[in-house]
Amino acid sequence: MPFVVVPQSAAFDHLRTRLVAPLIDSADAAAAGYPTRTPRFTLAGRDLTLDILQATAFPRDAPGPLVGSLADDNSATRIVAAVDEAISRVHG
């Protein structure tokens, strides 16, 4: 897990934990066929895939240094869609 995304709202920054989801190397992503749930991003020159189903809570200080941002409107919209797909869509 080279990187994590923090999809948690800034409204909860006062809490001791952060909701994080891993960004894994796209070559290792096993969830092909689910483009909404597993959006791809380029960060630090690497092709990465968000694995929202591996989201977990980390202590606020646990993640390492900030290496980039996916807070632009396009990336943020794709991250929210992945969270929505994982937790609020009913499938069969």
N, C-alpha and C. Protein backbone atom coordinates (compact mmCIF):
# COMPACT_ATOMS: atom_id res chain seq x y z
N MET A 1 0.85 -1.17 0.00
CA MET A 1 0.00 0.00 0.00
C MET A 1 0.90 1.24 0.00
N PRO A 2 1.19 1.74 -1.18
CA PRO A 2 2.12 2.88 -1.23
C PRO A 2 1.55 4.19 -0.69
N PHE A 3 0.23 4.40 -0.86
CA PHE A 3 -0.38 5.66 -0.44
C PHE A 3 -1.78 5.40 0.09
N VAL A 4 -2.30 6.36 0.86
CA VAL A 4 -3.69 6.31 1.29
C VAL A 4 -4.37 7.64 0.96
N VAL A 5 -5.68 7.57 0.79
CA VAL A 5 -6.53 8.74 0.59
C VAL A 5 -7.35 8.91 1.87
N VAL A 6 -7.56 10.15 2.27
CA VAL A 6 -8.40 10.43 3.42
C VAL A 6 -9.73 11.00 2.89
N PRO A 7 -10.75 10.13 2.72
CA PRO A 7 -12.03 10.62 2.21
C PRO A 7 -12.93 11.24 3.28
N GLN A 8 -12.45 11.31 4.49
CA GLN A 8 -13.22 11.83 5.62
C GLN A 8 -13.39 13.34 5.51
N SER A 9 -14.56 13.81 5.86
CA SER A 9 -14.85 15.24 5.86
C SER A 9 -13.96 15.98 6.86
N ALA A 10 -13.55 17.18 6.49
CA ALA A 10 -12.76 18.03 7.40
C ALA A 10 -13.56 18.39 8.66
N ALA A 11 -14.86 18.22 8.62
CA ALA A 11 -15.68 18.49 9.80
C ALA A 11 -15.30 17.59 10.97
N PHE A 12 -14.61 16.48 10.67
CA PHE A 12 -14.22 15.53 11.70
C PHE A 12 -12.73 15.55 12.00
N ASP A 13 -12.05 16.60 11.60
CA ASP A 13 -10.60 16.71 11.83
C ASP A 13 -10.23 16.71 13.32
N HIS A 14 -11.15 17.05 14.18
CA HIS A 14 -10.87 17.09 15.62
C HIS A 14 -10.80 15.69 16.24
N LEU A 15 -11.26 14.68 15.54
CA LEU A 15 -11.25 13.31 16.07
C LEU A 15 -9.84 12.73 16.06
N ARG A 16 -9.62 11.70 16.85
CA ARG A 16 -8.30 11.08 16.96
C ARG A 16 -7.99 10.13 15.80
N THR A 17 -8.99 9.81 14.99
CA THR A 17 -8.77 8.89 13.88
C THR A 17 -9.14 9.54 12.55
N ARG A 18 -8.63 8.94 11.49
CA ARG A 18 -8.96 9.35 10.12
C ARG A 18 -9.43 8.12 9.36
N LEU A 19 -10.49 8.29 8.58
CA LEU A 19 -10.89 7.24 7.66
C LEU A 19 -9.94 7.32 6.47
N VAL A 20 -9.28 6.22 6.15
CA VAL A 20 -8.35 6.19 5.03
C VAL A 20 -8.67 4.99 4.14
N ALA A 21 -8.34 5.12 2.87
CA ALA A 21 -8.48 4.03 1.91
C ALA A 21 -7.19 3.96 1.11
N PRO A 22 -6.70 2.75 0.85
CA PRO A 22 -5.43 2.64 0.15
C PRO A 22 -5.52 2.95 -1.34
N LEU A 23 -4.43 3.52 -1.84
CA LEU A 23 -4.19 3.63 -3.27
C LEU A 23 -3.15 2.56 -3.58
N ILE A 24 -3.53 1.60 -4.38
CA ILE A 24 -2.61 0.51 -4.70
C ILE A 24 -2.15 0.63 -6.15
N ASP A 25 -1.02 0.03 -6.45
CA ASP A 25 -0.54 0.05 -7.83
C ASP A 25 -1.61 -0.54 -8.73
N SER A 26 -1.94 0.17 -9.81
CA SER A 26 -3.01 -0.29 -10.70
C SER A 26 -2.72 -1.66 -11.27
N ALA A 27 -1.47 -2.01 -11.47
CA ALA A 27 -1.12 -3.33 -11.99
C ALA A 27 -1.53 -4.43 -11.02
N ASP A 28 -1.64 -4.10 -9.74
CA ASP A 28 -2.01 -5.08 -8.72
C ASP A 28 -3.51 -5.07 -8.41
N ALA A 29 -4.25 -4.13 -8.99
CA ALA A 29 -5.67 -3.99 -8.68
C ALA A 29 -6.45 -5.17 -9.25
N ALA A 30 -7.14 -5.87 -8.38
CA ALA A 30 -7.88 -7.07 -8.78
C ALA A 30 -9.33 -6.76 -9.12
N ALA A 31 -9.75 -5.52 -8.98
CA ALA A 31 -11.16 -5.19 -9.12
C ALA A 31 -11.50 -4.60 -10.49
N ALA A 32 -10.85 -5.07 -11.54
CA ALA A 32 -11.15 -4.58 -12.88
C ALA A 32 -12.63 -4.80 -13.16
N GLY A 33 -13.22 -3.91 -13.92
CA GLY A 33 -14.63 -4.02 -14.23
C GLY A 33 -15.52 -3.22 -13.32
N TYR A 34 -14.95 -2.55 -12.34
CA TYR A 34 -15.71 -1.71 -11.43
C TYR A 34 -15.11 -0.30 -11.44
N PRO A 35 -15.20 0.41 -12.57
CA PRO A 35 -14.52 1.71 -12.66
C PRO A 35 -15.03 2.76 -11.69
N THR A 36 -16.29 2.69 -11.29
CA THR A 36 -16.79 3.67 -10.32
C THR A 36 -16.23 3.39 -8.95
N ARG A 37 -16.20 2.12 -8.56
CA ARG A 37 -15.73 1.75 -7.22
C ARG A 37 -14.22 1.78 -7.12
N THR A 38 -13.52 1.63 -8.22
CA THR A 38 -12.05 1.57 -8.19
C THR A 38 -11.46 2.59 -9.16
N PRO A 39 -11.65 3.89 -8.88
CA PRO A 39 -11.11 4.91 -9.79
C PRO A 39 -9.58 4.91 -9.78
N ARG A 40 -9.03 5.27 -10.94
CA ARG A 40 -7.57 5.32 -11.08
C ARG A 40 -7.10 6.77 -11.04
N PHE A 41 -5.92 6.95 -10.48
CA PHE A 41 -5.31 8.27 -10.34
C PHE A 41 -3.82 8.17 -10.63
N THR A 42 -3.22 9.27 -10.99
CA THR A 42 -1.76 9.34 -11.09
C THR A 42 -1.30 10.25 -9.96
N LEU A 43 -0.40 9.71 -9.14
CA LEU A 43 0.12 10.45 -7.99
C LEU A 43 1.59 10.10 -7.85
N ALA A 44 2.41 11.10 -7.69
CA ALA A 44 3.86 10.90 -7.55
C ALA A 44 4.40 10.08 -8.71
N GLY A 45 3.83 10.30 -9.90
CA GLY A 45 4.31 9.61 -11.10
C GLY A 45 3.91 8.15 -11.19
N ARG A 46 2.98 7.71 -10.35
CA ARG A 46 2.56 6.30 -10.34
C ARG A 46 1.09 6.18 -10.72
N ASP A 47 0.76 5.11 -11.43
CA ASP A 47 -0.62 4.80 -11.79
C ASP A 47 -1.21 4.00 -10.64
N LEU A 48 -2.19 4.59 -9.94
CA LEU A 48 -2.74 4.01 -8.71
C LEU A 48 -4.25 3.85 -8.80
N THR A 49 -4.77 2.89 -8.06
CA THR A 49 -6.20 2.61 -8.01
C THR A 49 -6.67 2.70 -6.56
N LEU A 50 -7.77 3.41 -6.35
CA LEU A 50 -8.37 3.50 -5.02
C LEU A 50 -9.09 2.19 -4.71
N ASP A 51 -8.78 1.59 -3.57
CA ASP A 51 -9.44 0.36 -3.13
C ASP A 51 -10.32 0.70 -1.93
N ILE A 52 -11.50 1.26 -2.22
CA ILE A 52 -12.37 1.76 -1.16
C ILE A 52 -12.85 0.65 -0.23
N LEU A 53 -12.90 -0.59 -0.70
CA LEU A 53 -13.36 -1.69 0.16
C LEU A 53 -12.34 -2.07 1.22
N GLN A 54 -11.16 -1.49 1.15
CA GLN A 54 -10.14 -1.72 2.18
C GLN A 54 -10.02 -0.52 3.12
N ALA A 55 -11.02 0.36 3.09
CA ALA A 55 -11.01 1.55 3.96
C ALA A 55 -11.01 1.12 5.42
N THR A 56 -10.31 1.90 6.22
CA THR A 56 -10.21 1.62 7.65
C THR A 56 -9.91 2.92 8.39
N ALA A 57 -9.97 2.87 9.69
CA ALA A 57 -9.62 4.03 10.50
C ALA A 57 -8.17 3.91 10.96
N PHE A 58 -7.42 4.99 10.82
CA PHE A 58 -6.04 5.08 11.28
C PHE A 58 -5.98 6.15 12.36
N PRO A 59 -5.05 6.03 13.29
CA PRO A 59 -4.82 7.16 14.20
C PRO A 59 -4.45 8.40 13.38
N ARG A 60 -4.90 9.54 13.81
CA ARG A 60 -4.70 10.79 13.07
C ARG A 60 -3.25 11.01 12.65
N ASP A 61 -2.29 10.62 13.48
CA ASP A 61 -0.88 10.88 13.19
C ASP A 61 -0.19 9.72 12.47
N ALA A 62 -0.90 8.64 12.17
CA ALA A 62 -0.27 7.45 11.59
C ALA A 62 0.16 7.60 10.13
N PRO A 63 -0.66 8.17 9.25
CA PRO A 63 -0.21 8.28 7.85
C PRO A 63 1.07 9.10 7.76
N GLY A 64 1.87 8.77 6.78
CA GLY A 64 3.14 9.46 6.57
C GLY A 64 2.94 10.84 5.98
N PRO A 65 3.99 11.38 5.38
CA PRO A 65 3.94 12.74 4.85
C PRO A 65 3.00 12.86 3.65
N LEU A 66 2.45 14.03 3.47
CA LEU A 66 1.61 14.34 2.33
C LEU A 66 2.47 14.36 1.08
N VAL A 67 2.08 13.60 0.07
CA VAL A 67 2.86 13.56 -1.18
C VAL A 67 2.10 14.17 -2.35
N GLY A 68 0.84 14.47 -2.15
CA GLY A 68 0.04 15.05 -3.22
C GLY A 68 -1.38 15.23 -2.74
N SER A 69 -2.21 15.73 -3.63
CA SER A 69 -3.61 15.97 -3.29
C SER A 69 -4.51 15.45 -4.40
N LEU A 70 -5.62 14.88 -3.98
CA LEU A 70 -6.68 14.48 -4.91
C LEU A 70 -7.94 15.27 -4.58
N ALA A 71 -7.75 16.50 -4.11
CA ALA A 71 -8.87 17.33 -3.69
C ALA A 71 -9.49 18.15 -4.82
N ASP A 72 -8.92 18.07 -6.03
CA ASP A 72 -9.52 18.81 -7.14
C ASP A 72 -10.93 18.25 -7.38
N ASP A 73 -11.78 19.03 -8.03
CA ASP A 73 -13.18 18.65 -8.20
C ASP A 73 -13.36 17.30 -8.88
N ASN A 74 -12.61 17.02 -9.93
CA ASN A 74 -12.75 15.76 -10.66
C ASN A 74 -12.37 14.58 -9.78
N SER A 75 -11.23 14.64 -9.13
CA SER A 75 -10.78 13.54 -8.27
C SER A 75 -11.71 13.36 -7.09
N ALA A 76 -12.10 14.46 -6.45
CA ALA A 76 -12.98 14.37 -5.30
C ALA A 76 -14.32 13.76 -5.68
N THR A 77 -14.85 14.12 -6.83
CA THR A 77 -16.12 13.56 -7.29
C THR A 77 -15.99 12.05 -7.50
N ARG A 78 -14.87 11.60 -8.06
CA ARG A 78 -14.65 10.18 -8.29
C ARG A 78 -14.46 9.42 -6.98
N ILE A 79 -13.83 10.04 -5.99
CA ILE A 79 -13.66 9.39 -4.68
C ILE A 79 -15.01 9.26 -3.98
N VAL A 80 -15.81 10.32 -4.01
CA VAL A 80 -17.15 10.26 -3.40
C VAL A 80 -18.01 9.21 -4.10
N ALA A 81 -17.92 9.11 -5.41
CA ALA A 81 -18.68 8.09 -6.14
C ALA A 81 -18.25 6.69 -5.72
N ALA A 82 -16.97 6.49 -5.47
CA ALA A 82 -16.48 5.17 -5.03
C ALA A 82 -17.03 4.84 -3.65
N VAL A 83 -17.01 5.81 -2.74
CA VAL A 83 -17.57 5.59 -1.41
C VAL A 83 -19.06 5.28 -1.52
N ASP A 84 -19.77 6.05 -2.33
CA ASP A 84 -21.20 5.84 -2.53
C ASP A 84 -21.47 4.44 -3.09
N GLU A 85 -20.70 4.03 -4.06
CA GLU A 85 -20.86 2.69 -4.67
C GLU A 85 -20.65 1.60 -3.62
N ALA A 86 -19.69 1.80 -2.75
CA ALA A 86 -19.35 0.78 -1.77
C ALA A 86 -20.36 0.68 -0.62
N ILE A 87 -20.96 1.79 -0.23
CA ILE A 87 -21.78 1.74 0.99
C ILE A 87 -23.26 1.97 0.79
N SER A 88 -23.68 2.53 -0.35
CA SER A 88 -25.10 2.88 -0.42
C SER A 88 -25.84 2.31 -1.63
N ARG A 89 -25.16 1.63 -2.49
CA ARG A 89 -25.83 1.04 -3.65
C ARG A 89 -26.24 -0.39 -3.33
N VAL A 90 -27.42 -0.74 -3.77
CA VAL A 90 -27.88 -2.11 -3.57
C VAL A 90 -27.64 -2.89 -4.84
N HIS A 91 -26.89 -3.98 -4.72
CA HIS A 91 -26.60 -4.83 -5.86
C HIS A 91 -27.15 -6.22 -5.59
N GLY A 92 -28.07 -6.63 -6.48
CA GLY A 92 -28.64 -7.98 -6.47
C GLY A 92 -28.75 -8.54 -5.14
